[in-house]
């Protein structure tokens, strides 16, 4: 697996914290997968939909749900550091 740069990961966190409907970048999706914050299916979903501008309502809901979980886990990890 490739090395993930923390700067790129935090750019992804900043992006989804500003707008929960935005797609996380690939680095953040991979980091969340490595931390077991997202399932295999959710990881593939994030990668498949990251370049889509218009999602179905169900896809938007799923992306927001995943983003909220990622942000919650990032905050939890930050408070434990």
Protein backbone atom coordinates (compact mmCIF):
# COMPACT_ATOMS: atom_id res chain seq x y z
CA UNK A 1 0.00 0.00 0.00
CA UNK A 2 1.11 3.51 -0.70
CA UNK A 3 2.06 5.99 2.02
CA UNK A 4 -0.66 8.50 2.90
CA UNK A 5 0.38 12.09 3.53
CA UNK A 6 -1.22 13.69 6.57
CA UNK A 7 -1.57 17.02 4.76
CA UNK A 8 -3.67 15.41 2.04
CA UNK A 9 -5.78 13.56 4.61
CA UNK A 10 -6.47 16.79 6.52
CA UNK A 11 -7.42 18.54 3.28
CA UNK A 12 -10.08 15.84 2.89
CA UNK A 13 -11.25 16.33 6.48
CA UNK A 14 -11.51 20.08 5.95
CA UNK A 15 -13.49 19.52 2.76
CA UNK A 16 -16.14 17.27 4.32
CA UNK A 17 -16.34 19.29 7.54
CA UNK A 18 -17.23 22.40 5.51
CA UNK A 19 -19.85 20.54 3.45
CA UNK A 20 -21.00 17.09 4.52
CA UNK A 21 -22.33 16.35 1.03
CA UNK A 22 -18.86 16.64 -0.56
CA UNK A 23 -16.81 13.58 -1.34
CA UNK A 24 -13.74 12.93 0.78
CA UNK A 25 -10.52 12.74 -1.19
CA UNK A 26 -9.00 9.35 -1.98
CA UNK A 27 -6.38 9.68 0.77
CA UNK A 28 -9.01 10.25 3.46
CA UNK A 29 -11.15 7.38 2.16
CA UNK A 30 -8.14 5.07 2.26
CA UNK A 31 -7.16 6.27 5.75
CA UNK A 32 -10.71 5.63 7.00
CA UNK A 33 -10.58 2.16 5.46
CA UNK A 34 -7.24 1.39 7.14
CA UNK A 35 -8.69 2.51 10.48
CA UNK A 36 -11.76 0.28 9.92
CA UNK A 37 -14.07 3.29 10.09
CA UNK A 38 -15.66 2.30 6.77
CA UNK A 39 -16.48 -1.11 5.34
CA UNK A 40 -15.09 -2.45 2.08
CA UNK A 41 -18.37 -1.62 0.36
CA UNK A 42 -18.39 1.97 1.72
CA UNK A 43 -14.78 2.47 0.64
CA UNK A 44 -15.59 1.37 -2.92
CA UNK A 45 -18.72 3.55 -2.84
CA UNK A 46 -16.66 6.61 -1.86
CA UNK A 47 -14.16 5.99 -4.64
CA UNK A 48 -16.87 5.31 -7.23
CA UNK A 49 -18.81 8.46 -6.38
CA UNK A 50 -15.95 10.87 -5.64
CA UNK A 51 -15.99 12.40 -9.12
CA UNK A 52 -19.77 12.48 -9.50
CA UNK A 53 -21.35 15.89 -9.13
CA UNK A 54 -24.95 14.75 -9.01
CA UNK A 55 -25.90 11.86 -6.77
CA UNK A 56 -29.27 10.25 -6.22
CA UNK A 57 -30.96 11.15 -2.94
CA UNK A 58 -30.09 7.71 -1.55
CA UNK A 59 -26.42 8.12 -2.57
CA UNK A 60 -26.32 11.62 -1.02
CA UNK A 61 -27.72 10.23 2.21
CA UNK A 62 -25.18 7.39 2.30
CA UNK A 63 -22.27 9.75 1.57
CA UNK A 64 -23.36 12.10 4.36
CA UNK A 65 -23.70 9.18 6.77
CA UNK A 66 -20.18 7.95 5.95
CA UNK A 67 -18.73 11.46 6.16
CA UNK A 68 -20.30 12.01 9.59
CA UNK A 69 -18.77 8.75 10.83
CA UNK A 70 -15.34 9.70 9.48
CA UNK A 71 -15.50 13.13 11.15
CA UNK A 72 -16.69 11.61 14.44
CA UNK A 73 -13.80 9.14 14.43
CA UNK A 74 -11.29 11.86 13.50
CA UNK A 75 -12.47 13.96 16.46
CA UNK A 76 -12.29 10.93 18.76
CA UNK A 77 -8.77 10.11 17.58
CA UNK A 78 -7.72 13.75 18.04
CA UNK A 79 -9.03 13.89 21.60
CA UNK A 80 -7.19 10.69 22.50
CA UNK A 81 -3.86 11.95 21.15
